[in-house]
Protein backbone atom coordinates (compact mmCIF):
# COMPACT_ATOMS: atom_id res chain seq x y z
CA UNK A 1 63.65 118.06 54.04
CA UNK A 2 59.95 119.02 54.45
CA UNK A 3 58.17 119.17 57.79
CA UNK A 4 57.79 115.74 59.43
CA UNK A 5 54.81 113.81 58.05
CA UNK A 6 53.21 111.93 60.98
CA UNK A 7 51.66 108.53 60.48
CA UNK A 8 48.24 110.05 61.11
CA UNK A 9 46.59 113.39 61.72
CA UNK A 10 42.79 113.71 62.17
CA UNK A 11 40.68 116.04 60.01
CA UNK A 12 38.74 118.24 62.43
CA UNK A 13 36.87 121.22 61.02
CA UNK A 14 34.90 124.20 62.22
CA UNK A 15 31.70 122.14 62.20
CA UNK A 16 32.99 119.76 64.86
CA UNK A 17 34.40 122.60 66.97
CA UNK A 18 31.11 124.52 66.81
CA UNK A 19 29.09 121.42 67.71
CA UNK A 20 31.30 120.71 70.72
CA UNK A 21 30.98 124.33 71.86
CA UNK A 22 27.19 124.13 71.56
CA UNK A 23 27.22 120.86 73.49
CA UNK A 24 29.20 122.46 76.32
CA UNK A 25 26.71 125.34 76.41
CA UNK A 26 23.75 122.96 76.47
CA UNK A 27 24.65 121.59 79.88
CA UNK A 28 24.17 118.01 78.68
CA UNK A 29 27.59 116.38 78.40
CA UNK A 30 27.03 112.66 78.92
CA UNK A 31 24.80 110.33 76.87
CA UNK A 32 21.97 112.51 75.61
CA UNK A 33 20.36 114.04 72.52
CA UNK A 34 23.51 114.17 70.41
CA UNK A 35 24.25 110.51 71.01
CA UNK A 36 20.69 109.70 69.94
CA UNK A 37 21.16 111.81 66.80
CA UNK A 38 24.52 110.19 66.03
CA UNK A 39 22.99 106.72 66.36
CA UNK A 40 20.10 107.60 64.02
CA UNK A 41 22.38 109.06 61.36
CA UNK A 42 24.83 106.18 61.58
CA UNK A 43 21.99 103.68 61.22
CA UNK A 44 20.79 105.48 58.11
CA UNK A 45 24.30 105.52 56.63
CA UNK A 46 24.67 101.74 57.00
CA UNK A 47 21.25 100.79 55.70
CA UNK A 48 18.99 100.76 58.72
CA UNK A 49 18.70 98.54 61.75
CA UNK A 50 19.82 99.63 65.20
CA UNK A 51 23.05 101.50 65.91
CA UNK A 52 24.26 101.72 69.50
CA UNK A 53 27.01 104.22 70.30
CA UNK A 54 29.59 102.97 72.81
CA UNK A 55 32.95 104.08 74.16
CA UNK A 56 35.12 101.79 71.97
CA UNK A 57 35.02 99.06 69.35
CA UNK A 58 36.30 96.73 72.07
CA UNK A 59 33.16 97.47 74.06
CA UNK A 60 31.06 96.92 70.94
CA UNK A 61 32.60 93.48 70.38
CA UNK A 62 32.24 92.51 74.03
CA UNK A 63 28.60 93.62 74.12
CA UNK A 64 27.74 91.66 70.99
CA UNK A 65 29.49 88.49 72.16
CA UNK A 66 27.94 88.69 75.63
CA UNK A 67 24.43 89.46 74.35
CA UNK A 68 24.69 86.45 72.02
CA UNK A 69 25.41 84.23 75.01
CA UNK A 70 29.06 83.51 74.23
CA UNK A 71 30.82 82.40 77.40
CA UNK A 72 32.97 79.78 79.11
CA UNK A 73 33.35 76.48 77.25
CA UNK A 74 32.61 78.25 73.94
CA UNK A 75 35.12 78.88 71.15
CA UNK A 76 35.21 81.91 68.85
CA UNK A 77 37.20 81.78 65.60
CA UNK A 78 39.06 84.93 64.58
CA UNK A 79 42.18 86.06 62.73
CA UNK A 80 45.79 86.36 63.94
CA UNK A 81 46.18 89.60 61.89
CA UNK A 82 44.38 91.99 64.21
CA UNK A 83 44.92 94.27 67.16
CA UNK A 84 44.87 92.56 70.55
CA UNK A 85 41.48 94.12 71.40
CA UNK A 86 39.69 91.61 69.15
CA UNK A 87 41.04 88.68 71.13
CA UNK A 88 40.68 90.42 74.50
CA UNK A 89 36.96 90.91 73.82
CA UNK A 90 36.58 87.15 73.36
CA UNK A 91 38.58 86.42 76.51
CA UNK A 92 36.45 88.88 78.52
CA UNK A 93 33.44 86.60 77.94
CA UNK A 94 35.34 83.58 79.25
CA UNK A 95 35.35 81.98 75.80
CA UNK A 96 38.41 80.57 74.02
CA UNK A 97 39.78 82.41 70.96
CA UNK A 98 40.77 80.13 68.09
CA UNK A 99 42.95 81.55 65.30
CA UNK A 100 42.36 80.73 61.64
CA UNK A 101 45.03 81.66 59.09
CA UNK A 102 44.70 84.40 56.47
CA UNK A 103 44.28 84.61 52.71
CA UNK A 104 46.82 86.38 50.50
CA UNK A 105 44.84 89.62 50.97
CA UNK A 106 45.52 89.57 54.73
CA UNK A 107 41.93 88.79 55.73
CA UNK A 108 40.80 85.59 57.44
CA UNK A 109 40.56 82.59 55.11
CA UNK A 110 37.09 80.97 55.02
CA UNK A 111 38.71 77.59 54.30
CA UNK A 112 40.85 77.97 57.44
CA UNK A 113 37.73 78.88 59.44
CA UNK A 114 36.07 75.65 58.38
CA UNK A 115 39.11 73.66 59.48
CA UNK A 116 38.96 75.19 62.97
CA UNK A 117 35.29 74.49 63.70
CA UNK A 118 34.61 72.07 66.57
CA UNK A 119 31.61 71.12 68.67
CA UNK A 120 32.52 74.04 70.97
CA UNK A 121 32.54 76.72 68.25
CA UNK A 122 29.81 79.31 68.82
CA UNK A 123 30.81 82.29 66.70
CA UNK A 124 33.06 83.59 63.92
CA UNK A 125 34.67 87.01 64.32
CA UNK A 126 36.20 88.22 61.01
CA UNK A 127 38.23 91.45 60.87
CA UNK A 128 38.16 93.70 57.79
CA UNK A 129 41.90 94.40 57.72
CA UNK A 130 42.86 97.91 56.52
CA UNK A 131 39.28 98.51 55.38
CA UNK A 132 39.15 95.69 52.81
CA UNK A 133 36.02 93.60 53.42
CA UNK A 134 36.44 89.92 54.16
CA UNK A 135 34.84 87.23 51.99
CA UNK A 136 31.61 87.60 53.96
CA UNK A 137 29.36 85.60 51.62
CA UNK A 138 31.57 82.55 52.14
CA UNK A 139 31.78 83.17 55.87
CA UNK A 140 27.99 83.53 56.18
CA UNK A 141 27.52 80.25 54.31
CA UNK A 142 29.87 78.47 56.71
CA UNK A 143 28.04 80.01 59.67
CA UNK A 144 24.64 78.89 58.34
CA UNK A 145 25.80 75.31 57.79
CA UNK A 146 27.27 75.07 61.28
CA UNK A 147 24.64 77.22 63.08
CA UNK A 148 27.17 79.81 64.24
CA UNK A 149 26.90 83.50 65.08
CA UNK A 150 28.90 86.07 63.09
CA UNK A 151 30.19 89.32 64.60
CA UNK A 152 32.21 91.54 62.26
CA UNK A 153 35.12 93.59 63.57
CA UNK A 154 34.79 96.63 61.31
CA UNK A 155 37.18 98.84 63.27
CA UNK A 156 38.91 99.70 59.97
CA UNK A 157 35.84 99.56 57.76
CA UNK A 158 33.63 102.61 58.32
CA UNK A 159 32.66 103.58 54.79
CA UNK A 160 33.53 100.21 53.23
CA UNK A 161 31.03 98.20 51.20
CA UNK A 162 30.56 94.50 50.59
CA UNK A 163 28.77 93.70 47.32
CA UNK A 164 27.39 97.27 47.16
CA UNK A 165 25.99 97.16 50.70
CA UNK A 166 27.62 99.24 53.43
CA UNK A 167 29.53 97.29 56.05
CA UNK A 168 27.24 97.40 59.06
CA UNK A 169 24.14 96.90 56.94
CA UNK A 170 24.93 93.32 55.87
CA UNK A 171 23.29 91.84 58.93
CA UNK A 172 20.52 89.43 59.80
CA UNK A 173 18.01 90.70 57.23
CA UNK A 174 20.42 89.47 54.54
CA UNK A 175 21.02 86.16 56.31
CA UNK A 176 24.39 87.45 57.44
CA UNK A 177 26.02 88.85 60.54
CA UNK A 178 24.39 89.21 63.92
CA UNK A 179 26.32 92.39 64.76
CA UNK A 180 29.03 94.67 63.37
CA UNK A 181 31.46 96.67 65.56
CA UNK A 182 33.07 99.96 64.47
CA UNK A 183 35.88 102.04 65.96
CA UNK A 184 36.08 105.83 66.10
CA UNK A 185 39.52 105.95 67.67
CA UNK A 186 41.65 108.99 66.79
CA UNK A 187 43.39 107.30 63.84
CA UNK A 188 40.28 105.83 62.21
CA UNK A 189 38.49 106.95 59.02
CA UNK A 190 36.13 108.99 61.20
CA UNK A 191 36.74 109.80 64.84
CA UNK A 192 35.14 110.73 68.12
CA UNK A 193 38.56 110.71 69.83
CA UNK A 194 37.65 107.50 71.59
CA UNK A 195 34.45 105.67 70.78
CA UNK A 196 32.67 103.05 68.74
CA UNK A 197 29.36 101.79 67.39
CA UNK A 198 27.66 98.42 67.14
CA UNK A 199 24.96 97.79 64.55
CA UNK A 200 22.44 94.99 64.26
CA UNK A 201 19.19 94.19 62.47
CA UNK A 202 18.09 91.94 65.34
CA UNK A 203 15.77 93.87 67.65
CA UNK A 204 16.22 91.34 70.46
CA UNK A 205 20.00 91.64 70.29
CA UNK A 206 19.82 95.45 70.12
CA UNK A 207 17.73 95.57 73.29
CA UNK A 208 20.09 93.24 75.17
CA UNK A 209 23.14 95.27 74.15
CA UNK A 210 21.50 98.59 75.07
CA UNK A 211 20.72 97.29 78.56
CA UNK A 212 24.20 95.81 79.04
CA UNK A 213 25.94 98.97 77.81
CA UNK A 214 24.86 101.08 80.79
CA UNK A 215 25.07 99.08 84.01
CA UNK A 216 22.28 96.70 82.96
CA UNK A 217 19.66 99.37 83.66
CA UNK A 218 16.28 99.63 82.00
CA UNK A 219 16.58 103.35 81.14
CA UNK A 220 19.49 105.76 80.71
CA UNK A 221 19.62 109.29 82.11
CA UNK A 222 18.53 110.92 78.84
CA UNK A 223 15.42 108.76 78.47
CA UNK A 224 14.45 109.51 82.07
CA UNK A 225 15.07 113.25 81.54
CA UNK A 226 13.17 113.39 78.24
CA UNK A 227 10.26 111.66 79.99
CA UNK A 228 9.77 114.94 81.91
CA UNK A 229 11.49 114.02 85.11
CA UNK A 230 10.75 110.32 85.21
CA UNK A 231 13.00 108.92 87.89
CA UNK A 232 12.29 105.21 88.00
CA UNK A 233 14.63 102.59 86.50
CA UNK A 234 15.39 98.96 87.18
CA UNK A 235 18.63 96.97 87.04
CA UNK A 236 17.93 94.04 84.75
CA UNK A 237 21.37 92.52 84.14
CA UNK A 238 25.02 92.47 85.16
CA UNK A 239 26.04 95.32 82.87
CA UNK A 240 28.97 97.56 81.98
CA UNK A 241 29.88 101.25 81.64
CA UNK A 242 30.18 101.40 77.87
CA UNK A 243 28.16 104.50 76.91
CA UNK A 244 29.36 107.30 74.62
CA UNK A 245 29.09 110.95 75.70
CA UNK A 246 27.39 113.80 73.89
CA UNK A 247 30.74 115.56 73.63
CA UNK A 248 32.11 112.63 71.64
CA UNK A 249 28.94 112.32 69.57
CA UNK A 250 29.25 116.02 68.68
CA UNK A 251 32.45 115.09 66.87
CA UNK A 252 30.94 111.96 65.38
CA UNK A 253 27.90 113.64 63.84
CA UNK A 254 30.01 115.83 61.57
CA UNK A 255 32.74 113.25 60.99
CA UNK A 256 30.05 110.90 59.69
CA UNK A 257 28.73 113.56 57.33
CA UNK A 258 32.26 113.99 55.96
CA UNK A 259 33.01 110.28 55.72
CA UNK A 260 32.26 109.93 52.00
CA UNK A 261 34.69 112.75 51.23
CA UNK A 262 37.28 111.24 53.55
CA UNK A 263 37.01 107.87 51.80
CA UNK A 264 37.29 109.43 48.36
CA UNK A 265 40.46 111.30 49.36
CA UNK A 266 41.94 108.12 50.83
CA UNK A 267 41.17 106.27 47.60
CA UNK A 268 42.85 109.00 45.54
CA UNK A 269 45.98 108.91 47.67
CA UNK A 270 46.09 105.10 47.70
CA UNK A 271 45.89 105.15 43.90
CA UNK A 272 48.88 107.53 43.74
CA UNK A 273 50.92 105.19 45.92
CA UNK A 274 49.94 102.14 43.89
CA UNK A 275 50.81 103.79 40.57
CA UNK A 276 54.21 104.83 41.93
CA UNK A 277 55.05 101.37 43.28
CA UNK A 278 53.49 99.04 40.72
CA UNK A 279 56.59 98.91 38.47
CA UNK A 280 59.01 97.92 41.26
CA UNK A 281 59.66 94.23 41.79
CA UNK A 282 60.93 95.02 45.30
CA UNK A 283 57.45 96.17 46.32
CA UNK A 284 53.98 94.64 46.31
CA UNK A 285 51.00 96.98 46.45
CA UNK A 286 48.08 96.24 48.78
CA UNK A 287 45.29 94.02 47.44
CA UNK A 288 41.90 95.37 46.42
CA UNK A 289 38.65 93.66 45.43
CA UNK A 290 36.52 94.89 42.55
CA UNK A 291 33.45 93.37 44.21
CA UNK A 292 33.87 95.53 47.31
CA UNK A 293 34.55 99.12 48.26
CA UNK A 294 37.85 99.35 50.12
CA UNK A 295 37.74 101.99 52.88
CA UNK A 296 41.54 102.46 52.71
CA UNK A 297 41.95 102.95 56.43
CA UNK A 298 45.51 101.72 55.93
CA UNK A 299 47.90 101.47 53.02
CA UNK A 300 49.87 98.33 53.87
CA UNK A 301 52.83 98.08 51.52
CA UNK A 302 54.57 94.71 51.21
CA UNK A 303 58.33 94.48 50.81
CA UNK A 304 59.79 91.70 48.67
CA UNK A 305 62.78 91.29 50.96
CA UNK A 306 64.57 88.86 48.64
CA UNK A 307 65.30 91.85 46.42
CA UNK A 308 66.52 94.16 49.22
CA UNK A 309 69.66 94.22 51.35
CA UNK A 310 67.83 95.80 54.31
CA UNK A 311 65.05 94.40 56.49
CA UNK A 312 61.68 95.91 57.36
CA UNK A 313 62.93 97.57 60.56
CA UNK A 314 65.72 99.38 58.72
CA UNK A 315 63.28 100.42 55.98
CA UNK A 316 61.06 102.08 58.62
CA UNK A 317 64.06 103.74 60.28
CA UNK A 318 65.09 105.18 56.91
CA UNK A 319 61.59 106.56 56.37
CA UNK A 320 61.79 108.22 59.78
CA UNK A 321 65.19 109.70 58.95
CA UNK A 322 63.57 111.20 55.86
CA UNK A 323 60.77 112.77 57.94
CA UNK A 324 58.02 110.16 57.45
CA UNK A 325 56.12 108.30 60.13
CA UNK A 326 55.24 104.67 59.42
CA UNK A 327 53.83 101.73 61.35
CA UNK A 328 53.13 97.98 61.15
CA UNK A 329 49.63 96.44 61.14
CA UNK A 330 49.75 94.08 62.87
CA UNK A 331 52.11 92.06 65.01
CA UNK A 332 50.25 88.72 64.78
CA UNK A 333 48.49 87.61 67.94
CA UNK A 334 50.67 84.49 68.56
CA UNK A 335 53.84 86.63 68.76
CA UNK A 336 52.74 88.59 71.86
CA UNK A 337 54.00 87.44 75.25
CA UNK A 338 50.56 87.25 76.87
CA UNK A 339 48.93 85.29 74.06
CA UNK A 340 51.86 82.87 73.76
CA UNK A 341 50.83 81.54 77.18
CA UNK A 342 47.36 80.65 75.87
CA UNK A 343 46.30 77.71 73.67
CA UNK A 344 44.94 80.04 70.99
CA UNK A 345 45.30 77.66 68.08
CA UNK A 346 45.83 73.99 67.64
CA UNK A 347 47.77 74.68 64.46
CA UNK A 348 50.12 77.50 63.41
CA UNK A 349 49.13 80.34 61.09
CA UNK A 350 52.10 80.37 58.70
CA UNK A 351 50.67 82.80 56.15
CA UNK A 352 50.04 85.44 58.82
CA UNK A 353 53.50 85.00 60.34
CA UNK A 354 55.16 85.21 56.92
CA UNK A 355 53.23 88.28 55.79
CA UNK A 356 54.04 90.11 59.02
CA UNK A 357 57.77 90.08 58.28
CA UNK A 358 57.39 92.32 55.22
CA UNK A 359 54.56 94.78 55.80
CA UNK A 360 54.76 98.54 56.36
CA UNK A 361 51.82 100.91 56.79
CA UNK A 362 52.48 104.23 55.07
CA UNK A 363 50.79 107.54 56.03
CA UNK A 364 47.34 107.76 54.41
CA UNK A 365 44.75 110.26 55.59
CA UNK A 366 42.70 113.19 54.23
CA UNK A 367 44.70 115.82 56.14
CA UNK A 368 47.73 115.00 54.00
CA UNK A 369 48.39 117.09 50.93
CA UNK A 370 49.04 115.53 47.55
CA UNK A 371 52.54 116.99 47.76
CA UNK A 372 53.13 115.04 50.98
CA UNK A 373 51.77 111.84 49.44
CA UNK A 374 54.10 112.19 46.46
CA UNK A 375 57.04 112.92 48.79
CA UNK A 376 56.32 109.68 50.67
CA UNK A 377 56.11 107.78 47.39
CA UNK A 378 59.33 109.30 46.07
CA UNK A 379 61.14 108.56 49.32
CA UNK A 380 60.01 104.92 49.29
CA UNK A 381 61.28 104.58 45.72
CA UNK A 382 64.61 106.14 46.68
CA UNK A 383 65.05 103.78 49.64
CA UNK A 384 64.36 100.83 47.36
CA UNK A 385 66.77 102.06 44.69
CA UNK A 386 69.60 102.48 47.20
CA UNK A 387 68.86 99.16 48.93
CA UNK A 388 68.55 96.80 45.98
CA UNK A 389 70.30 93.49 46.39
CA UNK A 390 72.98 93.17 43.67
CA UNK A 391 72.08 90.80 40.87
CA UNK A 392 74.14 87.61 40.77
CA UNK A 393 76.31 87.56 37.63
CA UNK A 394 76.19 84.23 35.78
CA UNK A 395 79.04 82.83 33.64
CA UNK A 396 78.45 82.97 29.90
CA UNK A 397 76.32 80.17 28.61
CA UNK A 398 74.90 79.31 32.08
CA UNK A 399 71.22 79.58 32.89
CA UNK A 400 69.19 79.05 36.03
CA UNK A 401 66.47 76.44 35.68
């Protein structure tokens, strides 16, 4: 058996290590010149507008919702197939999360969004699951008709494109989203260890979020320092401690420059998996969309359990016994103990709950070798072959209608 293949391993090179060393030598460790550089380069990579570096995608979502005036007595529609942070960000504003069911591709269904809209709805918060963009054109049209804000949770979607425009650039200038939130957590397509970014083409929203992100103050330490010792600042709002440090930005600068290569490697490896699994009726490969660029943050394989004599949990245990880490994305929001106590949805989300029972996320990241990818694929095929449900023999002359 080869060395254990973890579910994820980040790709950190000499460039990141050198930049961090230089940052330590500079004496400026918190929000400073490297954060400003990271924001500029990220803005350019997503098509302009303002990019604000923060300490997590959760912070990015909370800032955007708060700056847009979402609060108590408001409702925000989102998906049940997401990490809990998406819903927590809504709850932090005092608003009520409302869950709309998913499409077959795992992303929120625009038709389900429309069904959930009430007089209290203030915003829609779609999540680009696994790096596959949602049907944003349809969502924007719904938002326009109902005068709603749109904040995209792009935690999985750094490097993805919707209709040839980078996710994060499809904002107000295109009649679309007010803000887009990204994650740079350790497992994401690019990383700062912990961290995130929020982008917007609305200058008024950008200014509100920048003030809220650092205690509600009018100027951060770097702007006061770069103003040759200017000391004066004012507290303008009830703010938060959401800023990113220069140490983290030192990672992010070079991770961003490598992102295109990372995405291309992910696409190559995803294609290997899909070719290996496409001829097996026990497996269903992840959906793609020719009108978008999938970022392939995750490779979410679907098991056709009717053809197998083991369940999803045993399938994962067998992968682990064969030296392969795997995960599940995600346990739907209504299944968690905390959220079960809340009136998150007036109606169930059956498609999300059904899909959850049969999904497995396989290892997929640039630090893998092609040999490792092919070992994972071969192992999955072997597990399927040894776990096939026996065919039911029919008496001669009998058919099933």
